[in-house]
Amino acid sequence: MKLIRAYVRDFMTSKVVNALKDSRTPPISVMGATALGDEIGHQGLEILARVGSTHTPMVKIELICNDEYVKRIKDTITTAAKSAHKGDGLIAFFQLKKL
């Protein structure tokens, strides 16, 4: 079993969640998150400077699945979350062990 954790731009949330639902993934958790760092481009920095923020609003999506579904879920998330801008997100996989 794997825990999949993905961080995507907040405005891509509906697209990613709907794509996951359409691909019949296991239940997911969606939580707000804030990113710090260089994951935003020059235009994004200008916008954030005008509104007085140094944070990028992101969403954390988590789900647990069997190993055979990992590639399909990864492909679904990366395709749906891609906007061609730097900092579209991050996806990580964690191996789970039964107690």
N, C-alpha and C. Protein backbone atom coordinates (compact mmCIF):
# COMPACT_ATOMS: atom_id res chain seq x y z
N MET A 1 0.85 -1.18 0.00
CA MET A 1 0.00 0.00 0.00
C MET A 1 0.89 1.23 0.00
N LYS A 2 0.40 2.28 -0.65
CA LYS A 2 1.13 3.53 -0.74
C LYS A 2 0.24 4.68 -0.27
N LEU A 3 0.89 5.65 0.36
CA LEU A 3 0.28 6.93 0.65
C LEU A 3 0.77 7.87 -0.44
N ILE A 4 -0.14 8.49 -1.15
CA ILE A 4 0.22 9.47 -2.17
C ILE A 4 -0.16 10.84 -1.63
N ARG A 5 0.80 11.75 -1.66
CA ARG A 5 0.57 13.12 -1.20
C ARG A 5 0.95 14.05 -2.34
N ALA A 6 0.01 14.87 -2.77
CA ALA A 6 0.26 15.81 -3.86
C ALA A 6 -0.07 17.22 -3.40
N TYR A 7 0.78 18.16 -3.76
CA TYR A 7 0.53 19.58 -3.52
C TYR A 7 0.33 20.22 -4.88
N VAL A 8 -0.83 20.84 -5.08
CA VAL A 8 -1.14 21.47 -6.36
C VAL A 8 -1.64 22.90 -6.12
N ARG A 9 -1.55 23.71 -7.15
CA ARG A 9 -2.04 25.09 -7.04
C ARG A 9 -3.53 25.07 -6.70
N ASP A 10 -3.94 26.00 -5.86
CA ASP A 10 -5.33 25.97 -5.38
C ASP A 10 -6.35 26.11 -6.49
N PHE A 11 -6.06 26.86 -7.55
CA PHE A 11 -7.03 27.03 -8.62
C PHE A 11 -7.16 25.79 -9.50
N MET A 12 -6.29 24.79 -9.29
CA MET A 12 -6.38 23.53 -10.05
C MET A 12 -7.12 22.44 -9.27
N THR A 13 -7.56 22.77 -8.05
CA THR A 13 -8.15 21.76 -7.17
C THR A 13 -9.32 21.03 -7.82
N SER A 14 -10.29 21.76 -8.33
CA SER A 14 -11.48 21.12 -8.92
C SER A 14 -11.10 20.21 -10.07
N LYS A 15 -10.19 20.67 -10.91
CA LYS A 15 -9.78 19.87 -12.07
C LYS A 15 -9.12 18.57 -11.62
N VAL A 16 -8.24 18.64 -10.63
CA VAL A 16 -7.54 17.45 -10.14
C VAL A 16 -8.51 16.51 -9.43
N VAL A 17 -9.34 17.04 -8.54
CA VAL A 17 -10.29 16.21 -7.81
C VAL A 17 -11.27 15.53 -8.76
N ASN A 18 -11.79 16.26 -9.73
CA ASN A 18 -12.71 15.66 -10.70
C ASN A 18 -12.03 14.58 -11.53
N ALA A 19 -10.78 14.82 -11.91
CA ALA A 19 -10.05 13.80 -12.68
C ALA A 19 -9.85 12.54 -11.84
N LEU A 20 -9.54 12.72 -10.56
CA LEU A 20 -9.39 11.56 -9.68
C LEU A 20 -10.71 10.81 -9.52
N LYS A 21 -11.81 11.54 -9.36
CA LYS A 21 -13.12 10.89 -9.25
C LYS A 21 -13.45 10.13 -10.52
N ASP A 22 -13.18 10.75 -11.67
CA ASP A 22 -13.47 10.11 -12.95
C ASP A 22 -12.65 8.83 -13.15
N SER A 23 -11.46 8.80 -12.57
CA SER A 23 -10.62 7.60 -12.72
C SER A 23 -10.88 6.57 -11.62
N ARG A 24 -11.89 6.83 -10.81
CA ARG A 24 -12.36 5.89 -9.79
C ARG A 24 -11.28 5.55 -8.77
N THR A 25 -10.64 6.59 -8.23
CA THR A 25 -9.62 6.38 -7.21
C THR A 25 -10.27 6.12 -5.86
N PRO A 26 -9.49 5.63 -4.92
CA PRO A 26 -9.99 5.49 -3.54
C PRO A 26 -10.34 6.87 -2.98
N PRO A 27 -11.01 6.92 -1.84
CA PRO A 27 -11.35 8.21 -1.23
C PRO A 27 -10.10 9.07 -1.02
N ILE A 28 -10.29 10.37 -1.17
CA ILE A 28 -9.17 11.31 -1.04
C ILE A 28 -9.46 12.31 0.07
N SER A 29 -8.38 12.92 0.57
CA SER A 29 -8.48 14.03 1.51
C SER A 29 -7.91 15.27 0.82
N VAL A 30 -8.57 16.40 1.00
CA VAL A 30 -8.12 17.65 0.40
C VAL A 30 -8.03 18.69 1.50
N MET A 31 -6.85 19.30 1.63
CA MET A 31 -6.61 20.29 2.68
C MET A 31 -5.90 21.50 2.11
N GLY A 32 -6.20 22.66 2.66
CA GLY A 32 -5.49 23.86 2.25
C GLY A 32 -4.05 23.82 2.73
N ALA A 33 -3.15 24.41 1.96
CA ALA A 33 -1.74 24.46 2.32
C ALA A 33 -1.17 25.77 1.78
N THR A 34 -0.04 26.16 2.31
CA THR A 34 0.63 27.37 1.85
C THR A 34 2.06 27.02 1.52
N ALA A 35 2.51 27.42 0.34
CA ALA A 35 3.88 27.13 -0.08
C ALA A 35 4.74 28.38 0.05
N LEU A 36 5.96 28.19 0.44
CA LEU A 36 6.95 29.25 0.51
C LEU A 36 8.11 28.84 -0.38
N GLY A 37 8.71 29.78 -1.07
CA GLY A 37 9.87 29.44 -1.89
C GLY A 37 9.78 30.03 -3.27
N ASP A 38 10.55 29.44 -4.18
CA ASP A 38 10.66 29.99 -5.53
C ASP A 38 9.76 29.28 -6.53
N GLU A 39 8.67 28.71 -6.06
CA GLU A 39 7.80 27.94 -6.94
C GLU A 39 6.89 28.80 -7.81
N ILE A 40 6.98 30.10 -7.68
CA ILE A 40 6.14 30.97 -8.50
C ILE A 40 7.03 31.77 -9.44
N GLY A 41 6.50 32.10 -10.57
CA GLY A 41 7.25 32.84 -11.57
C GLY A 41 7.28 34.34 -11.30
N HIS A 42 7.94 35.06 -12.18
CA HIS A 42 8.11 36.50 -12.03
C HIS A 42 6.77 37.23 -11.96
N GLN A 43 5.84 36.88 -12.84
CA GLN A 43 4.53 37.54 -12.84
C GLN A 43 3.80 37.26 -11.52
N GLY A 44 3.90 36.05 -11.02
CA GLY A 44 3.28 35.71 -9.75
C GLY A 44 3.87 36.51 -8.61
N LEU A 45 5.18 36.73 -8.63
CA LEU A 45 5.81 37.53 -7.59
C LEU A 45 5.31 38.96 -7.60
N GLU A 46 5.11 39.51 -8.79
CA GLU A 46 4.58 40.88 -8.89
C GLU A 46 3.18 40.97 -8.30
N ILE A 47 2.34 40.00 -8.59
CA ILE A 47 0.98 39.99 -8.06
C ILE A 47 1.01 39.87 -6.55
N LEU A 48 1.82 38.94 -6.03
CA LEU A 48 1.92 38.76 -4.59
C LEU A 48 2.46 40.01 -3.90
N ALA A 49 3.39 40.72 -4.54
CA ALA A 49 3.93 41.95 -3.96
C ALA A 49 2.85 43.01 -3.85
N ARG A 50 1.97 43.06 -4.85
CA ARG A 50 0.89 44.06 -4.82
C ARG A 50 -0.12 43.78 -3.71
N VAL A 51 -0.37 42.51 -3.43
CA VAL A 51 -1.36 42.19 -2.39
C VAL A 51 -0.70 41.97 -1.03
N GLY A 52 0.62 42.10 -0.96
CA GLY A 52 1.32 42.02 0.31
C GLY A 52 1.50 40.63 0.86
N SER A 53 1.70 39.64 0.00
CA SER A 53 1.86 38.27 0.45
C SER A 53 3.13 37.66 -0.13
N THR A 54 3.76 36.77 0.60
CA THR A 54 4.92 36.03 0.09
C THR A 54 4.61 34.54 0.01
N HIS A 55 3.35 34.19 0.13
CA HIS A 55 2.95 32.78 0.15
C HIS A 55 2.17 32.44 -1.12
N THR A 56 2.27 31.19 -1.51
CA THR A 56 1.51 30.69 -2.64
C THR A 56 0.43 29.75 -2.13
N PRO A 57 -0.84 30.05 -2.38
CA PRO A 57 -1.89 29.14 -1.93
C PRO A 57 -1.84 27.83 -2.71
N MET A 58 -1.79 26.73 -1.98
CA MET A 58 -1.74 25.39 -2.56
C MET A 58 -2.79 24.53 -1.87
N VAL A 59 -2.99 23.35 -2.39
CA VAL A 59 -3.90 22.37 -1.79
C VAL A 59 -3.13 21.06 -1.68
N LYS A 60 -3.28 20.40 -0.54
CA LYS A 60 -2.66 19.09 -0.34
C LYS A 60 -3.74 18.04 -0.54
N ILE A 61 -3.46 17.10 -1.43
CA ILE A 61 -4.37 15.99 -1.71
C ILE A 61 -3.67 14.71 -1.26
N GLU A 62 -4.36 13.93 -0.45
CA GLU A 62 -3.79 12.67 0.04
C GLU A 62 -4.74 11.52 -0.22
N LEU A 63 -4.16 10.37 -0.52
CA LEU A 63 -4.94 9.16 -0.64
C LEU A 63 -4.06 7.95 -0.42
N ILE A 64 -4.67 6.86 -0.04
CA ILE A 64 -3.98 5.59 0.16
C ILE A 64 -4.52 4.61 -0.87
N CYS A 65 -3.60 3.91 -1.54
CA CYS A 65 -4.04 2.97 -2.58
C CYS A 65 -3.12 1.76 -2.62
N ASN A 66 -3.58 0.72 -3.29
CA ASN A 66 -2.75 -0.45 -3.54
C ASN A 66 -1.67 -0.10 -4.56
N ASP A 67 -0.55 -0.80 -4.49
CA ASP A 67 0.60 -0.49 -5.34
C ASP A 67 0.26 -0.49 -6.84
N GLU A 68 -0.65 -1.36 -7.26
CA GLU A 68 -0.94 -1.46 -8.70
C GLU A 68 -1.66 -0.23 -9.26
N TYR A 69 -2.18 0.66 -8.39
CA TYR A 69 -2.89 1.85 -8.86
C TYR A 69 -2.01 3.11 -8.84
N VAL A 70 -0.80 3.01 -8.33
CA VAL A 70 0.04 4.19 -8.13
C VAL A 70 0.31 4.92 -9.44
N LYS A 71 0.72 4.20 -10.49
CA LYS A 71 1.06 4.86 -11.75
C LYS A 71 -0.14 5.58 -12.34
N ARG A 72 -1.29 4.94 -12.33
CA ARG A 72 -2.50 5.56 -12.90
C ARG A 72 -2.87 6.82 -12.13
N ILE A 73 -2.79 6.77 -10.80
CA ILE A 73 -3.13 7.93 -9.99
C ILE A 73 -2.11 9.05 -10.20
N LYS A 74 -0.83 8.70 -10.23
CA LYS A 74 0.22 9.69 -10.49
C LYS A 74 -0.01 10.38 -11.83
N ASP A 75 -0.27 9.60 -12.86
CA ASP A 75 -0.51 10.17 -14.19
C ASP A 75 -1.75 11.07 -14.20
N THR A 76 -2.79 10.66 -13.49
CA THR A 76 -4.01 11.45 -13.42
C THR A 76 -3.74 12.80 -12.76
N ILE A 77 -3.03 12.78 -11.64
CA ILE A 77 -2.75 14.03 -10.92
C ILE A 77 -1.84 14.94 -11.74
N THR A 78 -0.76 14.40 -12.28
CA THR A 78 0.19 15.25 -13.00
C THR A 78 -0.43 15.83 -14.27
N THR A 79 -1.27 15.07 -14.95
CA THR A 79 -1.94 15.59 -16.15
C THR A 79 -2.93 16.70 -15.79
N ALA A 80 -3.73 16.48 -14.77
CA ALA A 80 -4.77 17.45 -14.40
C ALA A 80 -4.18 18.71 -13.78
N ALA A 81 -3.05 18.59 -13.08
CA ALA A 81 -2.49 19.74 -12.35
C ALA A 81 -1.53 20.58 -13.18
N LYS A 82 -1.19 20.12 -14.35
CA LYS A 82 -0.17 20.80 -15.15
C LYS A 82 -0.73 22.09 -15.77
N SER A 83 -0.05 23.21 -15.48
CA SER A 83 -0.43 24.49 -16.08
C SER A 83 0.70 25.09 -16.90
N ALA A 84 1.82 24.39 -16.98
CA ALA A 84 3.02 24.84 -17.72
C ALA A 84 3.73 26.00 -17.05
N HIS A 85 3.43 26.27 -15.80
CA HIS A 85 4.13 27.31 -15.06
C HIS A 85 4.99 26.66 -14.00
N LYS A 86 6.08 27.31 -13.67
CA LYS A 86 6.95 26.82 -12.62
C LYS A 86 6.16 26.71 -11.32
N GLY A 87 6.36 25.62 -10.61
CA GLY A 87 5.71 25.45 -9.32
C GLY A 87 4.31 24.90 -9.40
N ASP A 88 4.00 24.12 -10.43
CA ASP A 88 2.67 23.52 -10.53
C ASP A 88 2.36 22.63 -9.35
N GLY A 89 3.37 22.05 -8.77
CA GLY A 89 3.12 21.23 -7.59
C GLY A 89 4.19 20.20 -7.36
N LEU A 90 3.86 19.28 -6.48
CA LEU A 90 4.78 18.24 -6.04
C LEU A 90 3.96 17.01 -5.72
N ILE A 91 4.50 15.85 -6.03
CA ILE A 91 3.81 14.61 -5.69
C ILE A 91 4.83 13.67 -5.05
N ALA A 92 4.43 13.02 -3.95
CA ALA A 92 5.33 12.13 -3.23
C ALA A 92 4.60 10.83 -2.89
N PHE A 93 5.38 9.77 -2.78
CA PHE A 93 4.83 8.44 -2.51
C PHE A 93 5.52 7.87 -1.28
N PHE A 94 4.74 7.30 -0.38
CA PHE A 94 5.28 6.71 0.84
C PHE A 94 4.79 5.28 0.96
N GLN A 95 5.71 4.38 1.23
CA GLN A 95 5.36 2.97 1.43
C GLN A 95 4.75 2.81 2.81
N LEU A 96 3.61 2.15 2.90
CA LEU A 96 2.95 1.91 4.17
C LEU A 96 3.15 0.46 4.58
N LYS A 97 3.28 0.25 5.88
CA LYS A 97 3.42 -1.09 6.40
C LYS A 97 2.28 -1.38 7.35
N LYS A 98 1.75 -2.58 7.27
CA LYS A 98 0.68 -2.99 8.19
C LYS A 98 1.27 -3.28 9.55
N LEU A 99 0.52 -2.95 10.59
CA LEU A 99 0.97 -3.24 11.95
C LEU A 99 0.68 -4.66 12.33
